[in-house]
C-alpha atoms as a PDB file:
ATOM      1  CA  MET A   1       2.089   8.193  32.267  1.00  0.00           C
ATOM      2  CA  THR A   2       4.533   4.781  32.106  1.00  0.00           C
ATOM      3  CA  TRP A   3       5.492   4.278  28.557  1.00  0.00           C
ATOM      4  CA  ASN A   4       4.450   1.319  26.720  1.00  0.00           C
ATOM      5  CA  PRO A   5       5.718   0.482  23.525  1.00  0.00           C
ATOM      6  CA  LEU A   6       3.157  -2.068  22.658  1.00  0.00           C
ATOM      7  CA  LYS A   7       0.872   0.950  22.135  1.00  0.00           C
ATOM      8  CA  LYS A   8       2.698   2.561  19.674  1.00  0.00           C
ATOM      9  CA  VAL A   9       1.715   2.752  15.665  1.00  0.00           C
ATOM     10  CA  THR A  10       3.192   0.054  13.720  1.00  0.00           C
ATOM     11  CA  LEU A  11       5.393   0.431  10.486  1.00  0.00           C
ATOM     12  CA  GLN A  12       3.684   1.404   7.664  1.00  0.00           C
ATOM     13  CA  LYS A  13       5.167   1.065   4.036  1.00  0.00           C
ATOM     14  CA  PRO A  14       6.554   3.977   2.152  1.00  0.00           C
ATOM     15  CA  THR A  15       4.771   5.791  -0.503  1.00  0.00           C
ATOM     16  CA  SER A  16       5.952   5.168  -4.261  1.00  0.00           C
ATOM     17  CA  SER A  17       8.654   7.716  -5.425  1.00  0.00           C
ATOM     18  CA  LYS A  18       9.362   6.117  -8.684  1.00  0.00           C
ATOM     19  CA  SER A  19       8.602   9.539 -10.218  1.00  0.00           C
ATOM     20  CA  TYR A  20      11.879  10.867  -8.731  1.00  0.00           C
ATOM     21  CA  GLY A  21      13.823   7.918 -10.223  1.00  0.00           C
ATOM     22  CA  LEU A  22      13.958   5.887  -6.800  1.00  0.00           C
ATOM     23  CA  ASP A  23      13.419   2.272  -6.912  1.00  0.00           C
ATOM     24  CA  ASP A  24      10.975   1.348  -4.110  1.00  0.00           C
ATOM     25  CA  GLY A  25      11.193  -2.132  -4.479  1.00  0.00           C
ATOM     26  CA  GLU A  26      14.177  -2.607  -1.718  1.00  0.00           C
ATOM     27  CA  LEU A  27      12.925  -0.144   0.520  1.00  0.00           C
ATOM     28  CA  ASP A  28       9.214  -2.093   0.454  1.00  0.00           C
ATOM     29  CA  SER A  29      11.236  -5.397   0.997  1.00  0.00           C
ATOM     30  CA  GLN A  30      13.184  -4.234   4.042  1.00  0.00           C
ATOM     31  CA  VAL A  31      10.130  -2.362   5.456  1.00  0.00           C
ATOM     32  CA  GLY A  32       8.225  -5.331   5.432  1.00  0.00           C
ATOM     33  CA  SER A  33      10.750  -7.520   6.975  1.00  0.00           C
ATOM     34  CA  LEU A  34      11.018  -5.013   9.751  1.00  0.00           C
ATOM     35  CA  GLN A  35       7.356  -4.885  10.427  1.00  0.00           C
ATOM     36  CA  GLN A  36       7.648  -8.989  10.907  1.00  0.00           C
ATOM     37  CA  LEU A  37      10.640  -8.330  13.412  1.00  0.00           C
ATOM     38  CA  GLU A  38       8.373  -5.359  14.863  1.00  0.00           C
ATOM     39  CA  GLU A  39       5.379  -7.952  15.826  1.00  0.00           C
ATOM     40  CA  ALA A  40       7.886 -10.695  17.197  1.00  0.00           C
ATOM     41  CA  SER A  41      10.056  -8.154  19.166  1.00  0.00           C
ATOM     42  CA  ARG A  42       6.433  -6.842  20.914  1.00  0.00           C
ATOM     43  CA  ASN A  43       5.557 -10.076  21.410  1.00  0.00           C
ATOM     44  CA  LEU A  44       8.543 -11.460  23.156  1.00  0.00           C
ATOM     45  CA  TYR A  45       8.554  -7.932  25.527  1.00  0.00           C
ATOM     46  CA  LYS A  46       4.685  -9.048  26.284  1.00  0.00           C
ATOM     47  CA  GLU A  47       5.793 -12.814  26.941  1.00  0.00           C
ATOM     48  CA  ALA A  48       8.610 -11.699  29.150  1.00  0.00           C
ATOM     49  CA  LYS A  49       6.667  -9.546  31.294  1.00  0.00           C
ATOM     50  CA  LYS A  50       4.075 -11.819  31.578  1.00  0.00           C
ATOM     51  CA  TYR A  51       6.498 -14.664  32.787  1.00  0.00           C
ATOM     52  CA  LYS A  52       8.017 -12.552  35.214  1.00  0.00           C
ATOM     53  CA  ASP A  53       4.485 -11.390  36.883  1.00  0.00           C
ATOM     54  CA  THR A  54       3.366 -15.222  36.858  1.00  0.00           C
ATOM     55  CA  LEU A  55       6.946 -15.965  38.844  1.00  0.00           C
ATOM     56  CA  GLU A  56       5.747 -13.609  41.417  1.00  0.00           C
ATOM     57  CA  GLU A  57       2.106 -14.680  41.342  1.00  0.00           C
ATOM     58  CA  LEU A  58       3.300 -18.247  41.928  1.00  0.00           C
ATOM     59  CA  HIS A  59       5.274 -17.554  44.928  1.00  0.00           C
ATOM     60  CA  GLN A  60       2.696 -15.580  46.266  1.00  0.00           C
ATOM     61  CA  CYS A  61       0.504 -18.554  46.575  1.00  0.00           C
ATOM     62  CA  GLU A  62       3.191 -20.819  47.680  1.00  0.00           C
ATOM     63  CA  LYS A  63       3.507 -18.552  50.365  1.00  0.00           C
ATOM     64  CA  LYS A  64      -0.276 -18.216  51.249  1.00  0.00           C
ATOM     65  CA  THR A  65      -0.376 -22.114  51.197  1.00  0.00           C
ATOM     66  CA  SER A  66       2.301 -22.539  53.311  1.00  0.00           C
ATOM     67  CA  SER A  67       1.016 -19.540  55.587  1.00  0.00           C
ATOM     68  CA  ASP A  68      -2.359 -21.257  56.189  1.00  0.00           C
ATOM     69  CA  LEU A  69      -0.930 -24.706  57.194  1.00  0.00           C
ATOM     70  CA  PHE A  70       1.700 -23.145  59.363  1.00  0.00           C
ATOM     71  CA  ASN A  71      -1.431 -21.060  61.402  1.00  0.00           C
ATOM     72  CA  SER A  72      -3.891 -24.180  60.848  1.00  0.00           C
ATOM     73  CA  ASN A  73      -4.901 -25.513  64.073  1.00  0.00           C
ATOM     74  CA  ALA A  74      -4.972 -29.274  62.766  1.00  0.00           C
ATOM     75  CA  CYS A  75      -1.732 -29.056  62.255  1.00  0.00           C
ATOM     76  CA  GLN A  76      -0.413 -28.060  65.168  1.00  0.00           C
ATOM     77  CA  HIS A  77      -1.619 -30.659  67.357  1.00  0.00           C
ATOM     78  CA  VAL A  78      -0.080 -33.601  65.110  1.00  0.00           C
ATOM     79  CA  ASP A  79       3.543 -33.692  65.887  1.00  0.00           C
ATOM     80  CA  ASN A  80       4.968 -35.076  62.781  1.00  0.00           C
ATOM     81  CA  LEU A  81       2.624 -32.839  60.557  1.00  0.00           C
ATOM     82  CA  ARG A  82       3.367 -29.804  62.452  1.00  0.00           C
ATOM     83  CA  LYS A  83       7.221 -30.594  61.925  1.00  0.00           C
ATOM     84  CA  SER A  84       6.907 -30.950  58.060  1.00  0.00           C
ATOM     85  CA  VAL A  85       4.771 -28.052  57.909  1.00  0.00           C
ATOM     86  CA  GLU A  86       7.139 -25.961  59.757  1.00  0.00           C
ATOM     87  CA  GLU A  87      10.063 -27.171  57.071  1.00  0.00           C
ATOM     88  CA  TYR A  88       7.907 -26.324  54.158  1.00  0.00           C
ATOM     89  CA  HIS A  89       7.089 -23.079  55.632  1.00  0.00           C
ATOM     90  CA  SER A  90      10.564 -22.413  55.991  1.00  0.00           C
ATOM     91  CA  VAL A  91      11.467 -23.649  52.534  1.00  0.00           C
ATOM     92  CA  VAL A  92       9.012 -21.069  50.781  1.00  0.00           C
ATOM     93  CA  THR A  93      10.533 -18.532  52.717  1.00  0.00           C
ATOM     94  CA  GLN A  94      13.941 -19.269  51.517  1.00  0.00           C
ATOM     95  CA  SER A  95      12.998 -19.471  47.929  1.00  0.00           C
ATOM     96  CA  GLU A  96      11.683 -15.807  48.315  1.00  0.00           C
ATOM     97  CA  LYS A  97      15.229 -14.743  47.626  1.00  0.00           C
ATOM     98  CA  ILE A  98      15.497 -16.957  44.788  1.00  0.00           C
ATOM     99  CA  VAL A  99      12.511 -15.683  43.339  1.00  0.00           C
ATOM    100  CA  GLN A 100      13.469 -12.372  43.312  1.00  0.00           C
ATOM    101  CA  ASP A 101      16.570 -12.765  41.939  1.00  0.00           C
ATOM    102  CA  LEU A 102      15.097 -14.455  38.878  1.00  0.00           C
ATOM    103  CA  GLU A 103      12.302 -11.841  38.541  1.00  0.00           C
ATOM    104  CA  SER A 104      15.512  -9.030  38.701  1.00  0.00           C
ATOM    105  CA  ILE A 105      17.003 -11.162  35.840  1.00  0.00           C
ATOM    106  CA  CYS A 106      14.366 -10.997  33.738  1.00  0.00           C
ATOM    107  CA  GLN A 107      13.371  -7.385  34.114  1.00  0.00           C
ATOM    108  CA  LYS A 108      16.929  -6.001  33.532  1.00  0.00           C
ATOM    109  CA  ALA A 109      18.160  -8.335  30.984  1.00  0.00           C
ATOM    110  CA  VAL A 110      15.152  -9.321  29.140  1.00  0.00           C
ATOM    111  CA  VAL A 111      12.032  -6.694  29.658  1.00  0.00           C
ATOM    112  CA  ASP A 112      14.107  -3.458  29.772  1.00  0.00           C
ATOM    113  CA  PRO A 113      16.120  -4.310  26.924  1.00  0.00           C
ATOM    114  CA  LEU A 114      13.467  -5.285  24.992  1.00  0.00           C
ATOM    115  CA  LYS A 115      11.763  -1.823  25.452  1.00  0.00           C
ATOM    116  CA  ARG A 116      14.688  -0.044  24.536  1.00  0.00           C
ATOM    117  CA  TYR A 117      15.051  -1.878  21.022  1.00  0.00           C
ATOM    118  CA  THR A 118      10.950  -1.662  20.503  1.00  0.00           C
ATOM    119  CA  ALA A 119      11.399   2.022  20.400  1.00  0.00           C
ATOM    120  CA  ASN A 120      13.597   1.629  17.441  1.00  0.00           C
ATOM    121  CA  PHE A 121      10.473   1.209  15.302  1.00  0.00           C
ATOM    122  CA  THR A 122       8.983   4.337  16.380  1.00  0.00           C
ATOM    123  CA  ASN A 123      12.132   6.048  15.593  1.00  0.00           C
ATOM    124  CA  ILE A 124      12.089   4.262  11.902  1.00  0.00           C
ATOM    125  CA  GLN A 125       8.691   5.194  11.770  1.00  0.00           C
ATOM    126  CA  MET A 126       9.303   8.719  12.257  1.00  0.00           C
ATOM    127  CA  GLU A 127      12.010   8.693   9.450  1.00  0.00           C
ATOM    128  CA  LEU A 128       9.541   7.019   7.087  1.00  0.00           C
ATOM    129  CA  LYS A 129       6.985   9.787   7.757  1.00  0.00           C
ATOM    130  CA  LYS A 130       9.330  12.366   7.135  1.00  0.00           C
ATOM    131  CA  ARG A 131       9.986  10.764   4.019  1.00  0.00           C
ATOM    132  CA  GLU A 132       6.679  11.130   2.898  1.00  0.00           C
ATOM    133  CA  GLN A 133       6.659  14.679   3.875  1.00  0.00           C
ATOM    134  CA  LEU A 134       9.035  15.095   1.471  1.00  0.00           C
ATOM    135  CA  LEU A 135       7.809  13.218  -1.225  1.00  0.00           C
ATOM    136  CA  GLN A 136       4.690  15.854  -0.922  1.00  0.00           C
ATOM    137  CA  GLU A 137       7.108  18.695  -1.251  1.00  0.00           C
ATOM    138  CA  CYS A 138       8.697  17.332  -4.256  1.00  0.00           C
ATOM    139  CA  ASN A 139       4.810  17.022  -5.407  1.00  0.00           C
ATOM    140  CA  ARG A 140       4.410  20.504  -4.630  1.00  0.00           C
ATOM    141  CA  CYS A 141       7.507  21.878  -6.395  1.00  0.00           C
ATOM    142  CA  GLN A 142       6.615  19.771  -9.448  1.00  0.00           C
ATOM    143  CA  GLN A 143       3.120  21.433  -9.854  1.00  0.00           C
ATOM    144  CA  LYS A 144       4.526  24.813  -9.462  1.00  0.00           C
ATOM    145  CA  VAL A 145       7.289  23.902 -12.574  1.00  0.00           C
ATOM    146  CA  ASN A 146       4.200  22.436 -14.364  1.00  0.00           C
ATOM    147  CA  LYS A 147       2.415  25.750 -13.506  1.00  0.00           C
ATOM    148  CA  TYR A 148       5.136  28.312 -14.613  1.00  0.00           C
ATOM    149  CA  THR A 149       6.166  26.338 -17.754  1.00  0.00           C
ATOM    150  CA  GLY A 150       3.032  26.891 -19.360  1.00  0.00           C
ATOM    151  CA  LYS A 151       2.734  30.252 -18.381  1.00  0.00           C
ATOM    152  CA  GLU A 152       3.723  33.356 -20.904  1.00  0.00           C
ATOM    153  CA  LYS A 153       7.461  33.693 -20.920  1.00  0.00           C
ATOM    154  CA  THR A 154       7.568  36.909 -18.878  1.00  0.00           C
ATOM    155  CA  GLY A 155      10.686  37.967 -16.605  1.00  0.00           C
ATOM    156  CA  THR A 156       8.211  37.106 -13.558  1.00  0.00           C
ATOM    157  CA  ASN A 157       7.453  33.871 -14.854  1.00  0.00           C
ATOM    158  CA  ILE A 158      10.736  32.945 -15.590  1.00  0.00           C
ATOM    159  CA  VAL A 159      11.996  33.827 -12.329  1.00  0.00           C
ATOM    160  CA  LYS A 160       9.228  31.836 -10.658  1.00  0.00           C
ATOM    161  CA  LEU A 161       9.830  28.858 -12.847  1.00  0.00           C
ATOM    162  CA  GLN A 162      13.625  28.745 -12.311  1.00  0.00           C
ATOM    163  CA  ASN A 163      12.996  29.071  -8.448  1.00  0.00           C
ATOM    164  CA  SER A 164      10.364  26.179  -8.951  1.00  0.00           C
ATOM    165  CA  LYS A 165      12.886  24.101 -10.604  1.00  0.00           C
ATOM    166  CA  ALA A 166      15.462  24.829  -7.768  1.00  0.00           C
ATOM    167  CA  ALA A 167      13.168  24.065  -5.217  1.00  0.00           C
ATOM    168  CA  LEU A 168      12.233  20.843  -7.129  1.00  0.00           C
ATOM    169  CA  ASN A 169      15.915  19.994  -7.411  1.00  0.00           C
ATOM    170  CA  SER A 170      16.454  20.411  -3.206  1.00  0.00           C
ATOM    171  CA  ALA A 171      13.379  18.503  -2.371  1.00  0.00           C
ATOM    172  CA  LYS A 172      14.627  15.769  -4.703  1.00  0.00           C
ATOM    173  CA  ASP A 173      17.913  15.790  -3.439  1.00  0.00           C
ATOM    174  CA  GLU A 174      16.584  15.630   0.315  1.00  0.00           C
ATOM    175  CA  VAL A 175      14.042  12.504  -0.713  1.00  0.00           C
ATOM    176  CA  LEU A 176      17.451  10.966  -1.842  1.00  0.00           C
ATOM    177  CA  LYS A 177      19.653  11.544   1.015  1.00  0.00           C
ATOM    178  CA  GLN A 178      16.338  10.321   3.517  1.00  0.00           C
ATOM    179  CA  ASN A 179      15.773   7.194   1.367  1.00  0.00           C
ATOM    180  CA  ALA A 180      19.547   6.101   1.164  1.00  0.00           C
ATOM    181  CA  GLN A 181      19.638   7.097   5.235  1.00  0.00           C
ATOM    182  CA  LEU A 182      16.433   4.336   5.567  1.00  0.00           C
ATOM    183  CA  LEU A 183      17.967   2.055   3.209  1.00  0.00           C
ATOM    184  CA  GLN A 184      21.125   1.840   5.249  1.00  0.00           C
ATOM    185  CA  GLU A 185      19.810   1.939   9.083  1.00  0.00           C
ATOM    186  CA  ILE A 186      16.914  -0.465   8.699  1.00  0.00           C
ATOM    187  CA  PRO A 187      18.995  -3.683   7.503  1.00  0.00           C
ATOM    188  CA  TYR A 188      21.266  -2.603  10.491  1.00  0.00           C
ATOM    189  CA  ILE A 189      18.535  -2.740  12.872  1.00  0.00           C
ATOM    190  CA  ARG A 190      17.528  -6.078  11.506  1.00  0.00           C
ATOM    191  CA  ASN A 191      20.747  -7.530  11.188  1.00  0.00           C
ATOM    192  CA  THR A 192      21.852  -6.659  14.829  1.00  0.00           C
ATOM    193  CA  ARG A 193      18.634  -8.410  16.333  1.00  0.00           C
ATOM    194  CA  ILE A 194      20.601 -11.513  17.139  1.00  0.00           C
ATOM    195  CA  GLU A 195      23.656  -9.707  18.577  1.00  0.00           C
ATOM    196  CA  TYR A 196      21.391  -7.156  20.963  1.00  0.00           C
ATOM    197  CA  PHE A 197      18.948 -10.285  22.370  1.00  0.00           C
ATOM    198  CA  GLN A 198      21.494 -13.113  22.662  1.00  0.00           C
ATOM    199  CA  PRO A 199      23.215 -11.612  25.947  1.00  0.00           C
ATOM    200  CA  SER A 200      19.554 -11.222  27.224  1.00  0.00           C
ATOM    201  CA  LEU A 201      18.821 -14.861  26.288  1.00  0.00           C
ATOM    202  CA  GLU A 202      21.859 -16.237  28.192  1.00  0.00           C
ATOM    203  CA  ALA A 203      21.325 -14.198  30.958  1.00  0.00           C
ATOM    204  CA  LEU A 204      17.605 -15.477  31.462  1.00  0.00           C
ATOM    205  CA  ILE A 205      18.902 -18.922  31.379  1.00  0.00           C
ATOM    206  CA  ARG A 206      21.710 -18.744  33.681  1.00  0.00           C
ATOM    207  CA  GLY A 207      18.985 -17.084  36.040  1.00  0.00           C
ATOM    208  CA  GLN A 208      16.474 -20.006  35.287  1.00  0.00           C
ATOM    209  CA  VAL A 209      19.484 -22.682  35.955  1.00  0.00           C
ATOM    210  CA  ASN A 210      20.324 -20.831  39.367  1.00  0.00           C
ATOM    211  CA  TYR A 211      16.722 -20.580  39.942  1.00  0.00           C
ATOM    212  CA  TYR A 212      15.443 -24.022  39.268  1.00  0.00           C
ATOM    213  CA  GLY A 213      18.706 -25.821  40.681  1.00  0.00           C
ATOM    214  CA  GLU A 214      18.224 -23.902  44.383  1.00  0.00           C
ATOM    215  CA  THR A 215      14.417 -24.791  44.326  1.00  0.00           C
ATOM    216  CA  LEU A 216      15.347 -28.136  43.579  1.00  0.00           C
ATOM    217  CA  ARG A 217      17.813 -28.417  46.266  1.00  0.00           C
ATOM    218  CA  LEU A 218      15.656 -26.706  48.527  1.00  0.00           C
ATOM    219  CA  TYR A 219      12.228 -29.308  47.825  1.00  0.00           C
ATOM    220  CA  THR A 220      14.597 -32.216  47.315  1.00  0.00           C
ATOM    221  CA  ASP A 221      15.870 -31.778  51.188  1.00  0.00           C
ATOM    222  CA  LEU A 222      12.360 -30.916  51.844  1.00  0.00           C
ATOM    223  CA  ALA A 223      11.154 -34.136  50.821  1.00  0.00           C
ATOM    224  CA  GLU A 224      13.731 -36.374  52.295  1.00  0.00           C
ATOM    225  CA  SER A 225      13.088 -34.553  55.578  1.00  0.00           C
ATOM    226  CA  THR A 226       9.147 -34.937  55.316  1.00  0.00           C
ATOM    227  CA  LYS A 227       9.653 -38.873  54.219  1.00  0.00           C
ATOM    228  CA  ASN A 228      11.888 -39.017  57.562  1.00  0.00           C
ATOM    229  CA  ASN A 229       8.955 -37.584  59.052  1.00  0.00           C
ATOM    230  CA  ARG A 230       6.766 -40.517  58.508  1.00  0.00           C
ATOM    231  CA  PRO A 231       6.028 -43.006  61.189  1.00  0.00           C
ATOM    232  CA  LEU A 232       5.977 -45.826  58.635  1.00  0.00           C
ATOM    233  CA  PRO A 233       7.768 -47.170  55.588  1.00  0.00           C
ATOM    234  CA  ASP A 234       6.798 -45.984  51.920  1.00  0.00           C
ATOM    235  CA  ASP A 235       4.782 -49.279  51.117  1.00  0.00           C
ATOM    236  CA  LEU A 236       3.002 -49.505  54.579  1.00  0.00           C
ATOM    237  CA  TYR A 237       2.584 -45.350  54.695  1.00  0.00           C
ATOM    238  CA  GLN A 238       0.827 -45.633  51.312  1.00  0.00           C
ATOM    239  CA  GLN A 239      -1.244 -48.655  52.624  1.00  0.00           C
ATOM    240  CA  GLN A 240      -2.398 -46.317  55.710  1.00  0.00           C
ATOM    241  CA  ILE A 241      -3.290 -43.748  53.205  1.00  0.00           C
ATOM    242  CA  ASN A 242      -5.420 -46.263  50.957  1.00  0.00           C
ATOM    243  CA  ASN A 243      -6.804 -47.597  54.135  1.00  0.00           C
ATOM    244  CA  LYS A 244      -7.896 -44.138  55.424  1.00  0.00           C
ATOM    245  CA  LEU A 245      -9.398 -43.366  51.997  1.00  0.00           C
ATOM    246  CA  ALA A 246     -11.449 -46.685  51.629  1.00  0.00           C
ATOM    247  CA  GLU A 247     -12.890 -45.852  55.522  1.00  0.00           C
ATOM    248  CA  ILE A 248     -13.955 -42.246  54.347  1.00  0.00           C
ATOM    249  CA  LYS A 249     -15.670 -43.220  51.316  1.00  0.00           C
ATOM    250  CA  ALA A 250     -17.212 -45.803  53.408  1.00  0.00           C
ATOM    251  CA  LEU A 251     -19.031 -43.442  55.328  1.00  0.00           C
ATOM    252  CA  SER A 252     -22.686 -42.774  55.029  1.00  0.00           C
ATOM    253  CA  ILE A 253     -22.614 -38.911  54.500  1.00  0.00           C
ATOM    254  CA  VAL A 254     -20.101 -39.411  51.460  1.00  0.00           C
ATOM    255  CA  ALA A 255     -21.545 -39.555  48.077  1.00  0.00           C
ATOM    256  CA  ASN A 256     -20.462 -42.374  45.849  1.00  0.00           C
ATOM    257  CA  ASP A 257     -18.632 -41.193  42.852  1.00  0.00           C
END
């Protein structure tokens, strides 16, 4: 099955650990900020993928339009129109490589890096869950300490109490280490977001400059060529079109607006 980061579980805020000497305020704040970054990253991934797919859909529409015109009998029997349609079809065909280049840039420079970046949120969630498990272990050890503290001071109970205290201290150390790791790594992921994404944005912009620049050149040349195919100057050509439209509207089979 294809991995889809949009289906991953979102970050959850950690359970309080004040009873073990930890201040949860900073971690809560860091996780809250990371939740906002996670949502923004997933939305950006979704929109970048949509943008790439839309480019392809638009080009397919252009290909179908030019192909339908190219194969139309009505266009084939009028020399000037046929020439314009052939040139239009040629431009659409030439633009396919330009579209593919921009799609490739969008996929490799934006979609794929965002997919990899989004995986960090899943890893952080796993580390937060590990912290929760360590806190639960602390609670279990604390309960054992409380249990044997209140029991008769027999040799067996004293040994069990000492073992429970040692297990509690070990669990507390693990929680402290896990908490410190989260406080170090969460800000790093958040603070490096611009440095990570900036090259992606620059690559996309450069790709768009090439795409729109080449497309503009092709269609500008096409417009000039089509203009040269007209039998009349612009003003007379427009007047001719208006006259034809007026004649069509005057027909009895055409409904009035």
